[in-house]
């Protein structure tokens, strides 16, 4: 059971870092068109899309990725609480 917790914890952490990398790629022209950028877009956009539908951009600033990362962190902390209840 602990191994499953560790795997899920690392998966959420790695996905969070992938989202951060994808967000920072928007600052560099042409970065999202690279093969790595396309890969990050394929794994990040399905998760970010519902947040973008709910939260409108504030001028030039899109805060939906921040909310998405917060949701991932809440899920990660919820996973810790769930694991403590089970064990």
C-alpha atoms as a PDB file:
ATOM      1  CA  UNK A   1       0.000   0.000   0.000  1.00  0.00           C
ATOM      2  CA  UNK A   2       2.848   2.351   0.834  1.00  0.00           C
ATOM      3  CA  UNK A   3       4.414   1.735  -2.584  1.00  0.00           C
ATOM      4  CA  UNK A   4       1.193   2.819  -4.287  1.00  0.00           C
ATOM      5  CA  UNK A   5       1.204   5.999  -2.207  1.00  0.00           C
ATOM      6  CA  UNK A   6       4.815   6.731  -3.175  1.00  0.00           C
ATOM      7  CA  UNK A   7       4.106   6.149  -6.874  1.00  0.00           C
ATOM      8  CA  UNK A   8       1.055   8.441  -6.832  1.00  0.00           C
ATOM      9  CA  UNK A   9       2.918  11.085  -4.857  1.00  0.00           C
ATOM     10  CA  UNK A  10       5.801  11.115  -7.345  1.00  0.00           C
ATOM     11  CA  UNK A  11       3.390  11.131 -10.299  1.00  0.00           C
ATOM     12  CA  UNK A  12       1.592  14.205  -8.957  1.00  0.00           C
ATOM     13  CA  UNK A  13       4.906  15.914  -8.227  1.00  0.00           C
ATOM     14  CA  UNK A  14       6.284  15.193 -11.712  1.00  0.00           C
ATOM     15  CA  UNK A  15       3.033  16.367 -13.332  1.00  0.00           C
ATOM     16  CA  UNK A  16       3.208  19.595 -11.328  1.00  0.00           C
ATOM     17  CA  UNK A  17       6.746  20.203 -12.594  1.00  0.00           C
ATOM     18  CA  UNK A  18       5.603  19.463 -16.147  1.00  0.00           C
ATOM     19  CA  UNK A  19       2.848  22.067 -15.794  1.00  0.00           C
ATOM     20  CA  UNK A  20       5.333  24.622 -14.480  1.00  0.00           C
ATOM     21  CA  UNK A  21       7.702  23.914 -17.373  1.00  0.00           C
ATOM     22  CA  UNK A  22       4.824  24.261 -19.837  1.00  0.00           C
ATOM     23  CA  UNK A  23       3.820  27.595 -18.317  1.00  0.00           C
ATOM     24  CA  UNK A  24       7.370  28.949 -18.484  1.00  0.00           C
ATOM     25  CA  UNK A  25       7.660  27.853 -22.125  1.00  0.00           C
ATOM     26  CA  UNK A  26       5.092  30.507 -23.018  1.00  0.00           C
ATOM     27  CA  UNK A  27       7.701  33.164 -22.193  1.00  0.00           C
ATOM     28  CA  UNK A  28      10.080  31.982 -24.917  1.00  0.00           C
ATOM     29  CA  UNK A  29       9.111  32.375 -28.565  1.00  0.00           C
ATOM     30  CA  UNK A  30       8.937  29.074 -30.411  1.00  0.00           C
ATOM     31  CA  UNK A  31       9.500  26.935 -27.325  1.00  0.00           C
ATOM     32  CA  UNK A  32       6.042  25.384 -27.450  1.00  0.00           C
ATOM     33  CA  UNK A  33       6.566  24.410 -31.082  1.00  0.00           C
ATOM     34  CA  UNK A  34       9.567  22.215 -30.205  1.00  0.00           C
ATOM     35  CA  UNK A  35       9.055  18.485 -29.766  1.00  0.00           C
ATOM     36  CA  UNK A  36       9.329  18.829 -25.982  1.00  0.00           C
ATOM     37  CA  UNK A  37       6.806  21.679 -26.029  1.00  0.00           C
ATOM     38  CA  UNK A  38       4.361  19.641 -28.088  1.00  0.00           C
ATOM     39  CA  UNK A  39       4.742  16.740 -25.648  1.00  0.00           C
ATOM     40  CA  UNK A  40       4.093  19.018 -22.666  1.00  0.00           C
ATOM     41  CA  UNK A  41       1.078  20.507 -24.440  1.00  0.00           C
ATOM     42  CA  UNK A  42      -0.389  17.037 -24.997  1.00  0.00           C
ATOM     43  CA  UNK A  43      -0.155  16.153 -21.316  1.00  0.00           C
ATOM     44  CA  UNK A  44      -0.919  19.607 -19.858  1.00  0.00           C
ATOM     45  CA  UNK A  45      -3.720  21.051 -21.973  1.00  0.00           C
ATOM     46  CA  UNK A  46      -6.377  18.420 -21.115  1.00  0.00           C
ATOM     47  CA  UNK A  47      -5.904  19.241 -17.424  1.00  0.00           C
ATOM     48  CA  UNK A  48      -5.705  23.016 -17.900  1.00  0.00           C
ATOM     49  CA  UNK A  49      -8.669  23.325 -20.283  1.00  0.00           C
ATOM     50  CA  UNK A  50     -11.466  23.030 -17.662  1.00  0.00           C
ATOM     51  CA  UNK A  51      -9.771  25.667 -15.512  1.00  0.00           C
ATOM     52  CA  UNK A  52      -9.491  28.012 -18.486  1.00  0.00           C
ATOM     53  CA  UNK A  53     -13.216  27.616 -19.141  1.00  0.00           C
ATOM     54  CA  UNK A  54     -14.057  28.578 -15.551  1.00  0.00           C
ATOM     55  CA  UNK A  55     -11.454  31.282 -14.899  1.00  0.00           C
ATOM     56  CA  UNK A  56     -11.210  34.043 -17.504  1.00  0.00           C
ATOM     57  CA  UNK A  57      -7.819  35.634 -18.179  1.00  0.00           C
ATOM     58  CA  UNK A  58      -7.101  38.922 -16.421  1.00  0.00           C
ATOM     59  CA  UNK A  59      -5.860  41.003 -19.308  1.00  0.00           C
ATOM     60  CA  UNK A  60      -2.655  39.352 -20.500  1.00  0.00           C
ATOM     61  CA  UNK A  61      -2.363  37.153 -17.408  1.00  0.00           C
ATOM     62  CA  UNK A  62      -3.859  33.670 -17.289  1.00  0.00           C
ATOM     63  CA  UNK A  63      -4.190  32.565 -13.668  1.00  0.00           C
ATOM     64  CA  UNK A  64      -5.865  29.242 -14.446  1.00  0.00           C
ATOM     65  CA  UNK A  65      -2.534  27.312 -14.337  1.00  0.00           C
ATOM     66  CA  UNK A  66      -1.951  28.624 -10.814  1.00  0.00           C
ATOM     67  CA  UNK A  67      -5.354  27.329  -9.742  1.00  0.00           C
ATOM     68  CA  UNK A  68      -4.653  24.005 -11.486  1.00  0.00           C
ATOM     69  CA  UNK A  69      -1.374  23.622  -9.591  1.00  0.00           C
ATOM     70  CA  UNK A  70      -3.150  24.440  -6.330  1.00  0.00           C
ATOM     71  CA  UNK A  71      -5.712  21.725  -7.083  1.00  0.00           C
ATOM     72  CA  UNK A  72      -2.892  19.252  -7.668  1.00  0.00           C
ATOM     73  CA  UNK A  73      -1.316  20.208  -4.351  1.00  0.00           C
ATOM     74  CA  UNK A  74      -4.668  19.787  -2.578  1.00  0.00           C
ATOM     75  CA  UNK A  75      -5.000  16.360  -4.202  1.00  0.00           C
ATOM     76  CA  UNK A  76      -1.514  15.477  -3.041  1.00  0.00           C
ATOM     77  CA  UNK A  77      -2.250  16.516   0.542  1.00  0.00           C
ATOM     78  CA  UNK A  78      -5.580  14.681   0.378  1.00  0.00           C
ATOM     79  CA  UNK A  79      -3.691  11.596  -0.707  1.00  0.00           C
ATOM     80  CA  UNK A  80      -1.520  11.897   2.394  1.00  0.00           C
ATOM     81  CA  UNK A  81      -4.604  12.167   4.631  1.00  0.00           C
ATOM     82  CA  UNK A  82      -6.253   9.213   2.915  1.00  0.00           C
ATOM     83  CA  UNK A  83      -3.122   7.117   3.349  1.00  0.00           C
ATOM     84  CA  UNK A  84      -2.965   8.009   7.061  1.00  0.00           C
ATOM     85  CA  UNK A  85      -6.593   6.977   7.537  1.00  0.00           C
ATOM     86  CA  UNK A  86      -6.037   3.635   5.810  1.00  0.00           C
ATOM     87  CA  UNK A  87      -2.830   2.808   7.669  1.00  0.00           C
END
